[in-house]
Structure formats: structure tokens, C-alpha cells
Amino acid sequence: MPLFQLGKVVITPAASSFCSTHNIDPLLLISRHVNCDWGDISEQDAAANVLGVQHELRIFSSYQFSTNKVWVITEADRSSTCILLPSDY
């Protein structure tokens, strides 16, 4: 069961291309994100995510793959979740 709402889930064209090229399932990233497996983030960012879940703040995940990272960000108001590359930000 998800610990927070995702809102509308979107993926940027660059992230979609990267995932396709590297055989990464974006739905797996969403599943990890919503189940609080935030990937390769600092302890401070993980603590901020815990607060984010508890107090409806932004939630940020980062997953490292061979040549790049893929980020997943859920907005504080839970209106949307975006899968993107750092270069998209």
C-alpha cells in the first residue's frame, strides 16, 4: 500500500528515452519511490523525505544508473510526480 499519494505521474522525454535505452522500467522507479526506497540519497535527504511523507512536503528520490541518475519528485501538494533526469530540472 502506498505511503503517500502520487497525483498525476509524468515522465520527461529525456528520462523516457534514457529509461528505454537502458531497459529501466519507470513503473519500478515509481514503486520504489512510493514505498520509501529513495535510492541514492544522503541521510539528510532521507530524513527530509520522512518529514515529507508525514507533513505533506516534497518527496525526492534519486536512482543511479550507469551513466546518469533518474530522479523522481512528488510535489508537496501531491498533485503530481515527475520522473526526470537532473538535466531536466
PDB file of N, CA and C in Angstrom:
ATOM      1  N   MET A   1       0.843  -1.180   0.000  1.00  0.00           N
ATOM      2  CA  MET A   1       0.000   0.000   0.000  1.00  0.00           C
ATOM      3  C   MET A   1       0.892   1.249   0.000  1.00  0.00           C
ATOM      4  N   PRO A   2       0.640   2.194  -0.883  1.00  0.00           N
ATOM      5  CA  PRO A   2       1.457   3.412  -0.942  1.00  0.00           C
ATOM      6  C   PRO A   2       1.368   4.212   0.357  1.00  0.00           C
ATOM      7  N   LEU A   3       2.470   4.828   0.720  1.00  0.00           N
ATOM      8  CA  LEU A   3       2.518   5.635   1.938  1.00  0.00           C
ATOM      9  C   LEU A   3       2.136   7.084   1.682  1.00  0.00           C
ATOM     10  N   PHE A   4       2.017   7.459   0.405  1.00  0.00           N
ATOM     11  CA  PHE A   4       1.600   8.811   0.055  1.00  0.00           C
ATOM     12  C   PHE A   4       1.021   8.788  -1.357  1.00  0.00           C
ATOM     13  N   GLN A   5       0.243   9.811  -1.666  1.00  0.00           N
ATOM     14  CA  GLN A   5      -0.379   9.930  -2.977  1.00  0.00           C
ATOM     15  C   GLN A   5       0.641  10.468  -3.982  1.00  0.00           C
ATOM     16  N   LEU A   6       0.542  10.010  -5.216  1.00  0.00           N
ATOM     17  CA  LEU A   6       1.452  10.435  -6.277  1.00  0.00           C
ATOM     18  C   LEU A   6       0.890  11.560  -7.133  1.00  0.00           C
ATOM     19  N   GLY A   7      -0.420  11.689  -7.182  1.00  0.00           N
ATOM     20  CA  GLY A   7      -1.024  12.633  -8.117  1.00  0.00           C
ATOM     21  C   GLY A   7      -0.829  12.142  -9.543  1.00  0.00           C
ATOM     22  N   LYS A   8      -0.812  13.063 -10.474  1.00  0.00           N
ATOM     23  CA  LYS A   8      -0.594  12.722 -11.883  1.00  0.00           C
ATOM     24  C   LYS A   8       0.882  12.369 -12.072  1.00  0.00           C
ATOM     25  N   VAL A   9       1.154  11.212 -12.648  1.00  0.00           N
ATOM     26  CA  VAL A   9       2.526  10.756 -12.872  1.00  0.00           C
ATOM     27  C   VAL A   9       2.927  11.083 -14.304  1.00  0.00           C
ATOM     28  N   VAL A  10       4.047  11.787 -14.438  1.00  0.00           N
ATOM     29  CA  VAL A  10       4.551  12.169 -15.762  1.00  0.00           C
ATOM     30  C   VAL A  10       6.040  11.820 -15.847  1.00  0.00           C
ATOM     31  N   ILE A  11       6.525  11.731 -17.076  1.00  0.00           N
ATOM     32  CA  ILE A  11       7.945  11.475 -17.317  1.00  0.00           C
ATOM     33  C   ILE A  11       8.403  12.425 -18.426  1.00  0.00           C
ATOM     34  N   THR A  12       9.564  13.010 -18.249  1.00  0.00           N
ATOM     35  CA  THR A  12      10.077  13.907 -19.279  1.00  0.00           C
ATOM     36  C   THR A  12      10.542  13.081 -20.485  1.00  0.00           C
ATOM     37  N   PRO A  13      10.583  13.695 -21.657  1.00  0.00           N
ATOM     38  CA  PRO A  13      11.073  12.969 -22.834  1.00  0.00           C
ATOM     39  C   PRO A  13      12.495  12.430 -22.650  1.00  0.00           C
ATOM     40  N   ALA A  14      13.377  13.209 -22.038  1.00  0.00           N
ATOM     41  CA  ALA A  14      14.754  12.750 -21.842  1.00  0.00           C
ATOM     42  C   ALA A  14      14.810  11.550 -20.903  1.00  0.00           C
ATOM     43  N   ALA A  15      14.031  11.584 -19.840  1.00  0.00           N
ATOM     44  CA  ALA A  15      14.006  10.459 -18.902  1.00  0.00           C
ATOM     45  C   ALA A  15      13.398   9.222 -19.555  1.00  0.00           C
ATOM     46  N   SER A  16      12.367   9.428 -20.344  1.00  0.00           N
ATOM     47  CA  SER A  16      11.743   8.308 -21.052  1.00  0.00           C
ATOM     48  C   SER A  16      12.732   7.658 -22.010  1.00  0.00           C
ATOM     49  N   SER A  17      13.475   8.469 -22.745  1.00  0.00           N
ATOM     50  CA  SER A  17      14.474   7.954 -23.674  1.00  0.00           C
ATOM     51  C   SER A  17      15.585   7.213 -22.933  1.00  0.00           C
ATOM     52  N   PHE A  18      16.064   7.806 -21.836  1.00  0.00           N
ATOM     53  CA  PHE A  18      17.116   7.171 -21.055  1.00  0.00           C
ATOM     54  C   PHE A  18      16.650   5.820 -20.511  1.00  0.00           C
ATOM     55  N   CYS A  19      15.444   5.787 -19.959  1.00  0.00           N
ATOM     56  CA  CYS A  19      14.916   4.528 -19.416  1.00  0.00           C
ATOM     57  C   CYS A  19      14.779   3.478 -20.512  1.00  0.00           C
ATOM     58  N   SER A  20      14.287   3.883 -21.658  1.00  0.00           N
ATOM     59  CA  SER A  20      14.122   2.950 -22.777  1.00  0.00           C
ATOM     60  C   SER A  20      15.470   2.405 -23.240  1.00  0.00           C
ATOM     61  N   THR A  21      16.447   3.280 -23.386  1.00  0.00           N
ATOM     62  CA  THR A  21      17.781   2.891 -23.848  1.00  0.00           C
ATOM     63  C   THR A  21      18.460   1.937 -22.872  1.00  0.00           C
ATOM     64  N   HIS A  22      18.213   2.135 -21.572  1.00  0.00           N
ATOM     65  CA  HIS A  22      18.891   1.341 -20.545  1.00  0.00           C
ATOM     66  C   HIS A  22      18.006   0.254 -19.932  1.00  0.00           C
ATOM     67  N   ASN A  23      16.876  -0.040 -20.591  1.00  0.00           N
ATOM     68  CA  ASN A  23      15.950  -1.084 -20.133  1.00  0.00           C
ATOM     69  C   ASN A  23      15.544  -0.901 -18.674  1.00  0.00           C
ATOM     70  N   ILE A  24      15.191   0.325 -18.316  1.00  0.00           N
ATOM     71  CA  ILE A  24      14.734   0.656 -16.974  1.00  0.00           C
ATOM     72  C   ILE A  24      13.223   0.837 -17.031  1.00  0.00           C
ATOM     73  N   ASP A  25      12.518   0.139 -16.173  1.00  0.00           N
ATOM     74  CA  ASP A  25      11.064   0.249 -16.125  1.00  0.00           C
ATOM     75  C   ASP A  25      10.684   1.441 -15.233  1.00  0.00           C
ATOM     76  N   PRO A  26      10.126   2.508 -15.798  1.00  0.00           N
ATOM     77  CA  PRO A  26       9.743   3.657 -14.985  1.00  0.00           C
ATOM     78  C   PRO A  26       8.751   3.303 -13.878  1.00  0.00           C
ATOM     79  N   LEU A  27       7.901   2.315 -14.121  1.00  0.00           N
ATOM     80  CA  LEU A  27       6.949   1.910 -13.082  1.00  0.00           C
ATOM     81  C   LEU A  27       7.652   1.292 -11.881  1.00  0.00           C
ATOM     82  N   LEU A  28       8.780   0.644 -12.107  1.00  0.00           N
ATOM     83  CA  LEU A  28       9.564   0.119 -10.994  1.00  0.00           C
ATOM     84  C   LEU A  28      10.124   1.267 -10.157  1.00  0.00           C
ATOM     85  N   LEU A  29      10.563   2.337 -10.815  1.00  0.00           N
ATOM     86  CA  LEU A  29      11.064   3.503 -10.080  1.00  0.00           C
ATOM     87  C   LEU A  29       9.952   4.131  -9.247  1.00  0.00           C
ATOM     88  N   ILE A  30       8.762   4.228  -9.823  1.00  0.00           N
ATOM     89  CA  ILE A  30       7.614   4.770  -9.089  1.00  0.00           C
ATOM     90  C   ILE A  30       7.293   3.874  -7.891  1.00  0.00           C
ATOM     91  N   SER A  31       7.327   2.580  -8.092  1.00  0.00           N
ATOM     92  CA  SER A  31       7.054   1.641  -7.000  1.00  0.00           C
ATOM     93  C   SER A  31       8.064   1.802  -5.876  1.00  0.00           C
ATOM     94  N   ARG A  32       9.328   1.906  -6.230  1.00  0.00           N
ATOM     95  CA  ARG A  32      10.360   2.110  -5.204  1.00  0.00           C
ATOM     96  C   ARG A  32      10.117   3.419  -4.456  1.00  0.00           C
ATOM     97  N   HIS A  33       9.849   4.472  -5.202  1.00  0.00           N
ATOM     98  CA  HIS A  33       9.644   5.802  -4.636  1.00  0.00           C
ATOM     99  C   HIS A  33       8.485   5.813  -3.636  1.00  0.00           C
ATOM    100  N   VAL A  34       7.347   5.277  -4.043  1.00  0.00           N
ATOM    101  CA  VAL A  34       6.149   5.326  -3.204  1.00  0.00           C
ATOM    102  C   VAL A  34       6.249   4.381  -2.006  1.00  0.00           C
ATOM    103  N   ASN A  35       7.195   3.458  -2.044  1.00  0.00           N
ATOM    104  CA  ASN A  35       7.415   2.554  -0.915  1.00  0.00           C
ATOM    105  C   ASN A  35       8.637   2.964  -0.088  1.00  0.00           C
ATOM    106  N   CYS A  36       9.048   4.207  -0.254  1.00  0.00           N
ATOM    107  CA  CYS A  36      10.122   4.829   0.545  1.00  0.00           C
ATOM    108  C   CYS A  36      11.494   4.214   0.335  1.00  0.00           C
ATOM    109  N   ASP A  37      11.720   3.625  -0.824  1.00  0.00           N
ATOM    110  CA  ASP A  37      13.067   3.233  -1.248  1.00  0.00           C
ATOM    111  C   ASP A  37      13.532   4.375  -2.142  1.00  0.00           C
ATOM    112  N   TRP A  38      14.205   5.334  -1.535  1.00  0.00           N
ATOM    113  CA  TRP A  38      14.540   6.567  -2.218  1.00  0.00           C
ATOM    114  C   TRP A  38      15.869   6.512  -2.956  1.00  0.00           C
ATOM    115  N   GLY A  39      16.458   5.353  -3.050  1.00  0.00           N
ATOM    116  CA  GLY A  39      17.656   5.189  -3.858  1.00  0.00           C
ATOM    117  C   GLY A  39      18.899   5.788  -3.242  1.00  0.00           C
ATOM    118  N   ASP A  40      19.630   6.503  -4.067  1.00  0.00           N
ATOM    119  CA  ASP A  40      20.954   7.015  -3.710  1.00  0.00           C
ATOM    120  C   ASP A  40      20.870   8.462  -3.231  1.00  0.00           C
ATOM    121  N   ILE A  41      20.362   8.639  -2.004  1.00  0.00           N
ATOM    122  CA  ILE A  41      20.269   9.980  -1.443  1.00  0.00           C
ATOM    123  C   ILE A  41      20.996  10.019  -0.106  1.00  0.00           C
ATOM    124  N   SER A  42      21.316  11.212   0.329  1.00  0.00           N
ATOM    125  CA  SER A  42      22.019  11.385   1.599  1.00  0.00           C
ATOM    126  C   SER A  42      21.080  11.101   2.773  1.00  0.00           C
ATOM    127  N   GLU A  43      21.667  10.948   3.952  1.00  0.00           N
ATOM    128  CA  GLU A  43      20.867  10.760   5.164  1.00  0.00           C
ATOM    129  C   GLU A  43      19.982  11.978   5.411  1.00  0.00           C
ATOM    130  N   GLN A  44      20.494  13.161   5.111  1.00  0.00           N
ATOM    131  CA  GLN A  44      19.706  14.384   5.286  1.00  0.00           C
ATOM    132  C   GLN A  44      18.493  14.402   4.361  1.00  0.00           C
ATOM    133  N   ASP A  45      18.706  13.994   3.114  1.00  0.00           N
ATOM    134  CA  ASP A  45      17.584  13.959   2.173  1.00  0.00           C
ATOM    135  C   ASP A  45      16.573  12.884   2.576  1.00  0.00           C
ATOM    136  N   ALA A  46      17.058  11.755   3.079  1.00  0.00           N
ATOM    137  CA  ALA A  46      16.147  10.703   3.545  1.00  0.00           C
ATOM    138  C   ALA A  46      15.311  11.205   4.718  1.00  0.00           C
ATOM    139  N   ALA A  47      15.946  11.917   5.656  1.00  0.00           N
ATOM    140  CA  ALA A  47      15.212  12.488   6.791  1.00  0.00           C
ATOM    141  C   ALA A  47      14.176  13.512   6.305  1.00  0.00           C
ATOM    142  N   ALA A  48      14.548  14.307   5.308  1.00  0.00           N
ATOM    143  CA  ALA A  48      13.602  15.272   4.738  1.00  0.00           C
ATOM    144  C   ALA A  48      12.429  14.551   4.083  1.00  0.00           C
ATOM    145  N   ASN A  49      12.685  13.411   3.451  1.00  0.00           N
ATOM    146  CA  ASN A  49      11.606  12.641   2.838  1.00  0.00           C
ATOM    147  C   ASN A  49      10.658  12.073   3.896  1.00  0.00           C
ATOM    148  N   VAL A  50      11.202  11.624   5.021  1.00  0.00           N
ATOM    149  CA  VAL A  50      10.349  11.120   6.105  1.00  0.00           C
ATOM    150  C   VAL A  50       9.412  12.239   6.568  1.00  0.00           C
ATOM    151  N   LEU A  51       9.964  13.422   6.758  1.00  0.00           N
ATOM    152  CA  LEU A  51       9.131  14.575   7.116  1.00  0.00           C
ATOM    153  C   LEU A  51       8.131  14.886   6.010  1.00  0.00           C
ATOM    154  N   GLY A  52       8.588  14.738   4.764  1.00  0.00           N
ATOM    155  CA  GLY A  52       7.713  14.981   3.626  1.00  0.00           C
ATOM    156  C   GLY A  52       6.511  14.061   3.607  1.00  0.00           C
ATOM    157  N   VAL A  53       6.732  12.805   3.917  1.00  0.00           N
ATOM    158  CA  VAL A  53       5.629  11.843   3.981  1.00  0.00           C
ATOM    159  C   VAL A  53       4.684  12.199   5.118  1.00  0.00           C
ATOM    160  N   GLN A  54       5.232  12.561   6.256  1.00  0.00           N
ATOM    161  CA  GLN A  54       4.423  12.845   7.450  1.00  0.00           C
ATOM    162  C   GLN A  54       3.681  14.166   7.371  1.00  0.00           C
ATOM    163  N   HIS A  55       4.264  15.157   6.687  1.00  0.00           N
ATOM    164  CA  HIS A  55       3.713  16.509   6.728  1.00  0.00           C
ATOM    165  C   HIS A  55       3.393  17.083   5.349  1.00  0.00           C
ATOM    166  N   GLU A  56       3.228  16.209   4.372  1.00  0.00           N
ATOM    167  CA  GLU A  56       2.881  16.615   3.011  1.00  0.00           C
ATOM    168  C   GLU A  56       3.826  17.677   2.455  1.00  0.00           C
ATOM    169  N   LEU A  57       5.100  17.338   2.461  1.00  0.00           N
ATOM    170  CA  LEU A  57       6.142  18.145   1.827  1.00  0.00           C
ATOM    171  C   LEU A  57       6.638  17.391   0.598  1.00  0.00           C
ATOM    172  N   ARG A  58       7.499  18.026  -0.184  1.00  0.00           N
ATOM    173  CA  ARG A  58       8.047  17.405  -1.389  1.00  0.00           C
ATOM    174  C   ARG A  58       8.825  16.138  -1.015  1.00  0.00           C
ATOM    175  N   ILE A  59       8.775  15.135  -1.884  1.00  0.00           N
ATOM    176  CA  ILE A  59       9.498  13.869  -1.687  1.00  0.00           C
ATOM    177  C   ILE A  59      10.371  13.647  -2.915  1.00  0.00           C
ATOM    178  N   PHE A  60      11.645  13.356  -2.664  1.00  0.00           N
ATOM    179  CA  PHE A  60      12.655  13.279  -3.714  1.00  0.00           C
ATOM    180  C   PHE A  60      13.387  11.943  -3.658  1.00  0.00           C
ATOM    181  N   SER A  61      13.472  11.257  -4.791  1.00  0.00           N
ATOM    182  CA  SER A  61      14.264  10.038  -4.929  1.00  0.00           C
ATOM    183  C   SER A  61      15.271  10.209  -6.047  1.00  0.00           C
ATOM    184  N   SER A  62      16.389   9.511  -5.925  1.00  0.00           N
ATOM    185  CA  SER A  62      17.431   9.560  -6.942  1.00  0.00           C
ATOM    186  C   SER A  62      17.991   8.153  -7.129  1.00  0.00           C
ATOM    187  N   TYR A  63      17.962   7.675  -8.350  1.00  0.00           N
ATOM    188  CA  TYR A  63      18.430   6.321  -8.663  1.00  0.00           C
ATOM    189  C   TYR A  63      19.582   6.410  -9.655  1.00  0.00           C
ATOM    190  N   GLN A  64      20.732   5.889  -9.262  1.00  0.00           N
ATOM    191  CA  GLN A  64      21.934   5.933 -10.090  1.00  0.00           C
ATOM    192  C   GLN A  64      21.962   4.755 -11.058  1.00  0.00           C
ATOM    193  N   PHE A  65      22.157   5.050 -12.320  1.00  0.00           N
ATOM    194  CA  PHE A  65      22.357   4.025 -13.342  1.00  0.00           C
ATOM    195  C   PHE A  65      23.667   4.332 -14.045  1.00  0.00           C
ATOM    196  N   SER A  66      24.119   3.468 -14.858  1.00  0.00           N
ATOM    197  CA  SER A  66      25.470   3.517 -15.430  1.00  0.00           C
ATOM    198  C   SER A  66      25.999   4.916 -15.715  1.00  0.00           C
ATOM    199  N   THR A  67      25.307   5.663 -16.514  1.00  0.00           N
ATOM    200  CA  THR A  67      25.839   6.954 -16.944  1.00  0.00           C
ATOM    201  C   THR A  67      25.077   8.154 -16.407  1.00  0.00           C
ATOM    202  N   ASN A  68      24.045   7.932 -15.658  1.00  0.00           N
ATOM    203  CA  ASN A  68      23.213   9.049 -15.231  1.00  0.00           C
ATOM    204  C   ASN A  68      22.368   8.655 -14.036  1.00  0.00           C
ATOM    205  N   LYS A  69      21.720   9.651 -13.468  1.00  0.00           N
ATOM    206  CA  LYS A  69      20.744   9.441 -12.411  1.00  0.00           C
ATOM    207  C   LYS A  69      19.361   9.702 -12.982  1.00  0.00           C
ATOM    208  N   VAL A  70      18.392   9.029 -12.400  1.00  0.00           N
ATOM    209  CA  VAL A  70      16.996   9.316 -12.700  1.00  0.00           C
ATOM    210  C   VAL A  70      16.365   9.764 -11.390  1.00  0.00           C
ATOM    211  N   TRP A  71      15.737  10.925 -11.439  1.00  0.00           N
ATOM    212  CA  TRP A  71      15.074  11.466 -10.261  1.00  0.00           C
ATOM    213  C   TRP A  71      13.577  11.218 -10.336  1.00  0.00           C
ATOM    214  N   VAL A  72      12.966  11.056  -9.157  1.00  0.00           N
ATOM    215  CA  VAL A  72      11.509  11.007  -9.040  1.00  0.00           C
ATOM    216  C   VAL A  72      11.143  12.017  -7.957  1.00  0.00           C
ATOM    217  N   ILE A  73      10.280  12.959  -8.306  1.00  0.00           N
ATOM    218  CA  ILE A  73       9.899  14.019  -7.372  1.00  0.00           C
ATOM    219  C   ILE A  73       8.376  14.090  -7.281  1.00  0.00           C
ATOM    220  N   THR A  74       7.882  13.965  -6.057  1.00  0.00           N
ATOM    221  CA  THR A  74       6.462  14.165  -5.795  1.00  0.00           C
ATOM    222  C   THR A  74       6.288  15.537  -5.158  1.00  0.00           C
ATOM    223  N   GLU A  75       5.400  16.331  -5.725  1.00  0.00           N
ATOM    224  CA  GLU A  75       5.159  17.684  -5.228  1.00  0.00           C
ATOM    225  C   GLU A  75       4.508  17.653  -3.849  1.00  0.00           C
ATOM    226  N   ALA A  76       4.726  18.696  -3.090  1.00  0.00           N
ATOM    227  CA  ALA A  76       4.203  18.782  -1.720  1.00  0.00           C
ATOM    228  C   ALA A  76       2.683  18.655  -1.682  1.00  0.00           C
ATOM    229  N   ASP A  77       2.005  19.222  -2.658  1.00  0.00           N
ATOM    230  CA  ASP A  77       0.542  19.168  -2.649  1.00  0.00           C
ATOM    231  C   ASP A  77      -0.004  17.856  -3.218  1.00  0.00           C
ATOM    232  N   ARG A  78       0.908  16.960  -3.578  1.00  0.00           N
ATOM    233  CA  ARG A  78       0.589  15.633  -4.119  1.00  0.00           C
ATOM    234  C   ARG A  78      -0.201  15.710  -5.422  1.00  0.00           C
ATOM    235  N   SER A  79      -0.065  16.816  -6.128  1.00  0.00           N
ATOM    236  CA  SER A  79      -0.764  16.960  -7.403  1.00  0.00           C
ATOM    237  C   SER A  79      -0.082  16.189  -8.518  1.00  0.00           C
ATOM    238  N   SER A  80       1.242  15.977  -8.383  1.00  0.00           N
ATOM    239  CA  SER A  80       1.957  15.281  -9.452  1.00  0.00           C
ATOM    240  C   SER A  80       3.265  14.686  -8.956  1.00  0.00           C
ATOM    241  N   THR A  81       3.714  13.702  -9.712  1.00  0.00           N
ATOM    242  CA  THR A  81       5.016  13.072  -9.519  1.00  0.00           C
ATOM    243  C   THR A  81       5.679  13.031 -10.882  1.00  0.00           C
ATOM    244  N   CYS A  82       6.927  13.475 -10.928  1.00  0.00           N
ATOM    245  CA  CYS A  82       7.643  13.544 -12.201  1.00  0.00           C
ATOM    246  C   CYS A  82       8.891  12.668 -12.153  1.00  0.00           C
ATOM    247  N   ILE A  83       9.095  11.895 -13.203  1.00  0.00           N
ATOM    248  CA  ILE A  83      10.327  11.151 -13.424  1.00  0.00           C
ATOM    249  C   ILE A  83      11.138  11.995 -14.395  1.00  0.00           C
ATOM    250  N   LEU A  84      12.374  12.320 -14.006  1.00  0.00           N
ATOM    251  CA  LEU A  84      13.188  13.214 -14.824  1.00  0.00           C
ATOM    252  C   LEU A  84      14.667  12.941 -14.633  1.00  0.00           C
ATOM    253  N   LEU A  85      15.452  13.482 -15.530  1.00  0.00           N
ATOM    254  CA  LEU A  85      16.901  13.468 -15.385  1.00  0.00           C
ATOM    255  C   LEU A  85      17.327  14.766 -14.707  1.00  0.00           C
ATOM    256  N   PRO A  86      18.472  14.764 -14.018  1.00  0.00           N
ATOM    257  CA  PRO A  86      18.940  16.012 -13.417  1.00  0.00           C
ATOM    258  C   PRO A  86      19.022  17.156 -14.426  1.00  0.00           C
ATOM    259  N   SER A  87      19.381  16.854 -15.649  1.00  0.00           N
ATOM    260  CA  SER A  87      19.487  17.894 -16.675  1.00  0.00           C
ATOM    261  C   SER A  87      18.134  18.497 -17.054  1.00  0.00           C
ATOM    262  N   ASP A  88      17.037  17.826 -16.703  1.00  0.00           N
ATOM    263  CA  ASP A  88      15.696  18.340 -16.971  1.00  0.00           C
ATOM    264  C   ASP A  88      15.265  19.370 -15.929  1.00  0.00           C
ATOM    265  N   TYR A  89      15.929  19.384 -14.795  1.00  0.00           N
ATOM    266  CA  TYR A  89      15.481  20.201 -13.663  1.00  0.00           C
ATOM    267  C   TYR A  89      15.717  21.669 -13.882  1.00  0.00           C
TER     268      TYR A  89
END
